[in-house]
């Protein structure tokens, strides 16, 4: 079963290496609480990813409308 940890990647239960801080390490530690600054940084990063995705979609639409 896949879970989404908020890092933008989907992981199965045993993948702990995305670097997002949401997955346990070999000792079973899993961070559950984040500071306000960390949450704000995650939201800013997410907003930037969305902007990049929109730009890519707009480029694809332009490419499809005006093939070379």
PDB file of N, CA and C in Angstrom:
ATOM      1  N   UNK A   1       0.841  -1.178   0.000  1.00  0.00           N
ATOM      2  CA  UNK A   1       0.000   0.000   0.000  1.00  0.00           C
ATOM      3  C   UNK A   1       0.888   1.245   0.000  1.00  0.00           C
ATOM      4  N   UNK A   2       0.586   2.222  -0.849  1.00  0.00           N
ATOM      5  CA  UNK A   2       1.384   3.432  -0.945  1.00  0.00           C
ATOM      6  C   UNK A   2       0.896   4.486   0.036  1.00  0.00           C
ATOM      7  N   UNK A   3       1.831   5.290   0.503  1.00  0.00           N
ATOM      8  CA  UNK A   3       1.504   6.417   1.349  1.00  0.00           C
ATOM      9  C   UNK A   3       2.133   7.649   0.723  1.00  0.00           C
ATOM     10  N   UNK A   4       1.538   8.787   0.957  1.00  0.00           N
ATOM     11  CA  UNK A   4       2.177  10.017   0.519  1.00  0.00           C
ATOM     12  C   UNK A   4       2.599  10.769   1.761  1.00  0.00           C
ATOM     13  N   UNK A   5       3.857  11.130   1.824  1.00  0.00           N
ATOM     14  CA  UNK A   5       4.405  11.750   3.017  1.00  0.00           C
ATOM     15  C   UNK A   5       4.439  13.263   2.926  1.00  0.00           C
ATOM     16  N   UNK A   6       4.098  13.805   1.780  1.00  0.00           N
ATOM     17  CA  UNK A   6       4.147  15.248   1.640  1.00  0.00           C
ATOM     18  C   UNK A   6       5.385  15.737   0.919  1.00  0.00           C
ATOM     19  N   UNK A   7       6.292  14.847   0.618  1.00  0.00           N
ATOM     20  CA  UNK A   7       7.499  15.253  -0.086  1.00  0.00           C
ATOM     21  C   UNK A   7       7.280  15.247  -1.584  1.00  0.00           C
ATOM     22  N   UNK A   8       6.097  14.848  -2.017  1.00  0.00           N
ATOM     23  CA  UNK A   8       5.797  14.839  -3.439  1.00  0.00           C
ATOM     24  C   UNK A   8       6.058  13.512  -4.108  1.00  0.00           C
ATOM     25  N   UNK A   9       6.513  12.540  -3.353  1.00  0.00           N
ATOM     26  CA  UNK A   9       6.803  11.228  -3.910  1.00  0.00           C
ATOM     27  C   UNK A   9       5.921  10.203  -3.205  1.00  0.00           C
ATOM     28  N   UNK A  10       5.556   9.162  -3.916  1.00  0.00           N
ATOM     29  CA  UNK A  10       4.791   8.079  -3.304  1.00  0.00           C
ATOM     30  C   UNK A  10       5.765   6.982  -2.891  1.00  0.00           C
ATOM     31  N   UNK A  11       5.520   6.406  -1.756  1.00  0.00           N
ATOM     32  CA  UNK A  11       6.421   5.397  -1.218  1.00  0.00           C
ATOM     33  C   UNK A  11       5.641   4.182  -0.752  1.00  0.00           C
ATOM     34  N   UNK A  12       6.236   3.029  -0.934  1.00  0.00           N
ATOM     35  CA  UNK A  12       5.636   1.856  -0.317  1.00  0.00           C
ATOM     36  C   UNK A  12       6.062   1.839   1.147  1.00  0.00           C
ATOM     37  N   UNK A  13       5.548   0.937   1.898  1.00  0.00           N
ATOM     38  CA  UNK A  13       5.773   0.937   3.340  1.00  0.00           C
ATOM     39  C   UNK A  13       7.236   0.836   3.732  1.00  0.00           C
ATOM     40  N   UNK A  14       8.075   0.232   2.911  1.00  0.00           N
ATOM     41  CA  UNK A  14       9.450  -0.033   3.318  1.00  0.00           C
ATOM     42  C   UNK A  14      10.467   0.887   2.678  1.00  0.00           C
ATOM     43  N   UNK A  15      10.016   1.942   2.016  1.00  0.00           N
ATOM     44  CA  UNK A  15      10.958   2.888   1.434  1.00  0.00           C
ATOM     45  C   UNK A  15      11.127   4.048   2.395  1.00  0.00           C
ATOM     46  N   UNK A  16      12.340   4.184   2.946  1.00  0.00           N
ATOM     47  CA  UNK A  16      12.585   5.188   3.973  1.00  0.00           C
ATOM     48  C   UNK A  16      13.628   6.210   3.529  1.00  0.00           C
ATOM     49  N   UNK A  17      13.920   6.304   2.259  1.00  0.00           N
ATOM     50  CA  UNK A  17      15.087   7.060   1.855  1.00  0.00           C
ATOM     51  C   UNK A  17      14.805   8.269   0.981  1.00  0.00           C
ATOM     52  N   UNK A  18      13.632   8.865   1.062  1.00  0.00           N
ATOM     53  CA  UNK A  18      13.334  10.027   0.220  1.00  0.00           C
ATOM     54  C   UNK A  18      13.930  11.303   0.795  1.00  0.00           C
ATOM     55  N   UNK A  19      14.290  11.317   2.061  1.00  0.00           N
ATOM     56  CA  UNK A  19      14.906  12.480   2.668  1.00  0.00           C
ATOM     57  C   UNK A  19      13.919  13.516   3.179  1.00  0.00           C
ATOM     58  N   UNK A  20      12.643  13.213   3.181  1.00  0.00           N
ATOM     59  CA  UNK A  20      11.648  14.202   3.580  1.00  0.00           C
ATOM     60  C   UNK A  20      11.504  14.305   5.099  1.00  0.00           C
ATOM     61  N   UNK A  21      12.029  13.351   5.838  1.00  0.00           N
ATOM     62  CA  UNK A  21      11.940  13.394   7.286  1.00  0.00           C
ATOM     63  C   UNK A  21      10.684  12.755   7.853  1.00  0.00           C
ATOM     64  N   UNK A  22       9.832  12.232   7.003  1.00  0.00           N
ATOM     65  CA  UNK A  22       8.579  11.658   7.474  1.00  0.00           C
ATOM     66  C   UNK A  22       8.655  10.154   7.692  1.00  0.00           C
ATOM     67  N   UNK A  23       9.710   9.514   7.247  1.00  0.00           N
ATOM     68  CA  UNK A  23       9.799   8.060   7.332  1.00  0.00           C
ATOM     69  C   UNK A  23      10.763   7.660   8.435  1.00  0.00           C
ATOM     70  N   UNK A  24      10.487   6.531   9.040  1.00  0.00           N
ATOM     71  CA  UNK A  24      11.330   6.045  10.111  1.00  0.00           C
ATOM     72  C   UNK A  24      12.701   5.640   9.611  1.00  0.00           C
ATOM     73  N   UNK A  25      13.649   5.636  10.509  1.00  0.00           N
ATOM     74  CA  UNK A  25      14.969   5.124  10.152  1.00  0.00           C
ATOM     75  C   UNK A  25      15.043   3.672  10.601  1.00  0.00           C
ATOM     76  N   UNK A  26      16.221   3.128  10.626  1.00  0.00           N
ATOM     77  CA  UNK A  26      16.357   1.710  10.974  1.00  0.00           C
ATOM     78  C   UNK A  26      15.922   1.410  12.401  1.00  0.00           C
ATOM     79  N   UNK A  27      15.802   2.449  13.245  1.00  0.00           N
ATOM     80  CA  UNK A  27      15.391   2.243  14.627  1.00  0.00           C
ATOM     81  C   UNK A  27      13.902   2.498  14.840  1.00  0.00           C
ATOM     82  N   UNK A  28      13.178   2.789  13.772  1.00  0.00           N
ATOM     83  CA  UNK A  28      11.747   2.988  13.874  1.00  0.00           C
ATOM     84  C   UNK A  28      11.315   4.391  14.241  1.00  0.00           C
ATOM     85  N   UNK A  29      12.253   5.336  14.359  1.00  0.00           N
ATOM     86  CA  UNK A  29      11.903   6.712  14.683  1.00  0.00           C
ATOM     87  C   UNK A  29      11.216   7.363  13.497  1.00  0.00           C
ATOM     88  N   UNK A  30      10.096   8.033  13.759  1.00  0.00           N
ATOM     89  CA  UNK A  30       9.381   8.756  12.715  1.00  0.00           C
ATOM     90  C   UNK A  30       8.952  10.101  13.270  1.00  0.00           C
ATOM     91  N   UNK A  31       9.457  11.119  12.681  1.00  0.00           N
ATOM     92  CA  UNK A  31       9.147  12.462  13.143  1.00  0.00           C
ATOM     93  C   UNK A  31       7.705  12.807  12.798  1.00  0.00           C
ATOM     94  N   UNK A  32       6.962  13.349  13.749  1.00  0.00           N
ATOM     95  CA  UNK A  32       5.545  13.648  13.542  1.00  0.00           C
ATOM     96  C   UNK A  32       5.217  15.125  13.654  1.00  0.00           C
ATOM     97  N   UNK A  33       6.044  15.900  14.309  1.00  0.00           N
ATOM     98  CA  UNK A  33       5.758  17.310  14.534  1.00  0.00           C
ATOM     99  C   UNK A  33       6.842  18.167  13.891  1.00  0.00           C
ATOM    100  N   UNK A  34       6.413  19.245  13.268  1.00  0.00           N
ATOM    101  CA  UNK A  34       7.338  20.131  12.585  1.00  0.00           C
ATOM    102  C   UNK A  34       7.126  21.552  13.081  1.00  0.00           C
ATOM    103  N   UNK A  35       8.192  22.318  13.086  1.00  0.00           N
ATOM    104  CA  UNK A  35       8.078  23.703  13.522  1.00  0.00           C
ATOM    105  C   UNK A  35       7.307  24.510  12.486  1.00  0.00           C
ATOM    106  N   UNK A  36       6.848  25.663  12.896  1.00  0.00           N
ATOM    107  CA  UNK A  36       6.143  26.557  11.987  1.00  0.00           C
ATOM    108  C   UNK A  36       7.043  26.914  10.797  1.00  0.00           C
ATOM    109  N   UNK A  37       8.312  27.170  11.060  1.00  0.00           N
ATOM    110  CA  UNK A  37       9.262  27.512   9.992  1.00  0.00           C
ATOM    111  C   UNK A  37       9.419  26.357   9.003  1.00  0.00           C
ATOM    112  N   UNK A  38       9.466  25.124   9.513  1.00  0.00           N
ATOM    113  CA  UNK A  38       9.575  23.959   8.623  1.00  0.00           C
ATOM    114  C   UNK A  38       8.330  23.800   7.767  1.00  0.00           C
ATOM    115  N   UNK A  39       7.157  23.981   8.371  1.00  0.00           N
ATOM    116  CA  UNK A  39       5.909  23.876   7.612  1.00  0.00           C
ATOM    117  C   UNK A  39       5.835  24.958   6.538  1.00  0.00           C
ATOM    118  N   UNK A  40       6.249  26.172   6.896  1.00  0.00           N
ATOM    119  CA  UNK A  40       6.250  27.272   5.941  1.00  0.00           C
ATOM    120  C   UNK A  40       7.189  26.971   4.778  1.00  0.00           C
ATOM    121  N   UNK A  41       8.358  26.451   5.067  1.00  0.00           N
ATOM    122  CA  UNK A  41       9.321  26.109   4.015  1.00  0.00           C
ATOM    123  C   UNK A  41       8.766  25.018   3.098  1.00  0.00           C
ATOM    124  N   UNK A  42       8.099  24.026   3.680  1.00  0.00           N
ATOM    125  CA  UNK A  42       7.485  22.965   2.863  1.00  0.00           C
ATOM    126  C   UNK A  42       6.413  23.545   1.943  1.00  0.00           C
ATOM    127  N   UNK A  43       5.607  24.472   2.458  1.00  0.00           N
ATOM    128  CA  UNK A  43       4.572  25.090   1.631  1.00  0.00           C
ATOM    129  C   UNK A  43       5.176  25.928   0.510  1.00  0.00           C
ATOM    130  N   UNK A  44       6.232  26.652   0.813  1.00  0.00           N
ATOM    131  CA  UNK A  44       6.903  27.452  -0.218  1.00  0.00           C
ATOM    132  C   UNK A  44       7.475  26.544  -1.301  1.00  0.00           C
ATOM    133  N   UNK A  45       8.076  25.463  -0.886  1.00  0.00           N
ATOM    134  CA  UNK A  45       8.637  24.505  -1.838  1.00  0.00           C
ATOM    135  C   UNK A  45       7.536  23.895  -2.700  1.00  0.00           C
ATOM    136  N   UNK A  46       6.432  23.553  -2.079  1.00  0.00           N
ATOM    137  CA  UNK A  46       5.297  22.982  -2.800  1.00  0.00           C
ATOM    138  C   UNK A  46       4.745  23.976  -3.817  1.00  0.00           C
ATOM    139  N   UNK A  47       4.622  25.250  -3.420  1.00  0.00           N
ATOM    140  CA  UNK A  47       4.136  26.292  -4.330  1.00  0.00           C
ATOM    141  C   UNK A  47       5.068  26.423  -5.526  1.00  0.00           C
ATOM    142  N   UNK A  48       6.360  26.350  -5.293  1.00  0.00           N
ATOM    143  CA  UNK A  48       7.336  26.440  -6.393  1.00  0.00           C
ATOM    144  C   UNK A  48       7.195  25.244  -7.337  1.00  0.00           C
ATOM    145  N   UNK A  49       6.992  24.054  -6.775  1.00  0.00           N
ATOM    146  CA  UNK A  49       6.776  22.871  -7.608  1.00  0.00           C
ATOM    147  C   UNK A  49       5.531  23.037  -8.474  1.00  0.00           C
ATOM    148  N   UNK A  50       4.473  23.587  -7.895  1.00  0.00           N
ATOM    149  CA  UNK A  50       3.250  23.804  -8.665  1.00  0.00           C
ATOM    150  C   UNK A  50       3.467  24.809  -9.793  1.00  0.00           C
ATOM    151  N   UNK A  51       4.205  25.876  -9.522  1.00  0.00           N
ATOM    152  CA  UNK A  51       4.517  26.862 -10.561  1.00  0.00           C
ATOM    153  C   UNK A  51       5.291  26.209 -11.699  1.00  0.00           C
ATOM    154  N   UNK A  52       6.263  25.381 -11.356  1.00  0.00           N
ATOM    155  CA  UNK A  52       7.061  24.690 -12.374  1.00  0.00           C
ATOM    156  C   UNK A  52       6.209  23.723 -13.186  1.00  0.00           C
ATOM    157  N   UNK A  53       5.303  23.047 -12.515  1.00  0.00           N
ATOM    158  CA  UNK A  53       4.410  22.115 -13.209  1.00  0.00           C
ATOM    159  C   UNK A  53       3.512  22.874 -14.185  1.00  0.00           C
ATOM    160  N   UNK A  54       2.964  24.004 -13.746  1.00  0.00           N
ATOM    161  CA  UNK A  54       2.120  24.812 -14.621  1.00  0.00           C
ATOM    162  C   UNK A  54       2.903  25.302 -15.832  1.00  0.00           C
ATOM    163  N   UNK A  55       4.119  25.740 -15.619  1.00  0.00           N
ATOM    164  CA  UNK A  55       4.963  26.199 -16.732  1.00  0.00           C
ATOM    165  C   UNK A  55       5.184  25.068 -17.734  1.00  0.00           C
ATOM    166  N   UNK A  56       5.460  23.876 -17.237  1.00  0.00           N
ATOM    167  CA  UNK A  56       5.674  22.724 -18.112  1.00  0.00           C
ATOM    168  C   UNK A  56       4.410  22.384 -18.904  1.00  0.00           C
ATOM    169  N   UNK A  57       3.262  22.468 -18.266  1.00  0.00           N
ATOM    170  CA  UNK A  57       1.995  22.193 -18.949  1.00  0.00           C
ATOM    171  C   UNK A  57       1.743  23.240 -20.024  1.00  0.00           C
ATOM    172  N   UNK A  58       1.992  24.498 -19.703  1.00  0.00           N
ATOM    173  CA  UNK A  58       1.808  25.564 -20.692  1.00  0.00           C
ATOM    174  C   UNK A  58       2.741  25.381 -21.888  1.00  0.00           C
ATOM    175  N   UNK A  59       3.984  24.962 -21.623  1.00  0.00           N
ATOM    176  CA  UNK A  59       4.934  24.694 -22.707  1.00  0.00           C
ATOM    177  C   UNK A  59       4.448  23.538 -23.583  1.00  0.00           C
ATOM    178  N   UNK A  60       3.914  22.513 -22.968  1.00  0.00           N
ATOM    179  CA  UNK A  60       3.406  21.358 -23.713  1.00  0.00           C
ATOM    180  C   UNK A  60       2.211  21.753 -24.577  1.00  0.00           C
ATOM    181  N   UNK A  61       1.323  22.566 -24.027  1.00  0.00           N
ATOM    182  CA  UNK A  61       0.170  23.039 -24.798  1.00  0.00           C
ATOM    183  C   UNK A  61       0.652  23.843 -26.008  1.00  0.00           C
ATOM    184  N   UNK A  62       1.593  24.743 -25.780  1.00  0.00           N
ATOM    185  CA  UNK A  62       2.147  25.555 -26.870  1.00  0.00           C
ATOM    186  C   UNK A  62       2.778  24.665 -27.937  1.00  0.00           C
ATOM    187  N   UNK A  63       3.525  23.668 -27.506  1.00  0.00           N
ATOM    188  CA  UNK A  63       4.173  22.735 -28.434  1.00  0.00           C
ATOM    189  C   UNK A  63       3.142  21.982 -29.258  1.00  0.00           C
ATOM    190  N   UNK A  64       2.050  21.557 -28.631  1.00  0.00           N
ATOM    191  CA  UNK A  64       1.014  20.812 -29.334  1.00  0.00           C
ATOM    192  C   UNK A  64       0.217  21.703 -30.290  1.00  0.00           C
ATOM    193  N   UNK A  65       0.037  22.960 -29.942  1.00  0.00           N
ATOM    194  CA  UNK A  65      -0.701  23.877 -30.796  1.00  0.00           C
ATOM    195  C   UNK A  65       0.122  24.350 -31.989  1.00  0.00           C
ATOM    196  N   UNK A  66       1.441  24.403 -31.814  1.00  0.00           N
ATOM    197  CA  UNK A  66       2.332  24.919 -32.864  1.00  0.00           C
ATOM    198  C   UNK A  66       3.451  23.919 -33.147  1.00  0.00           C
ATOM    199  N   UNK A  67       3.118  22.759 -33.722  1.00  0.00           N
ATOM    200  CA  UNK A  67       4.169  21.769 -33.992  1.00  0.00           C
ATOM    201  C   UNK A  67       5.153  22.311 -35.040  1.00  0.00           C
ATOM    202  N   UNK A  68       6.380  21.956 -34.892  1.00  0.00           N
ATOM    203  CA  UNK A  68       7.431  22.427 -35.804  1.00  0.00           C
ATOM    204  C   UNK A  68       7.505  21.602 -37.060  1.00  0.00           C
TER     205      UNK A  68
END
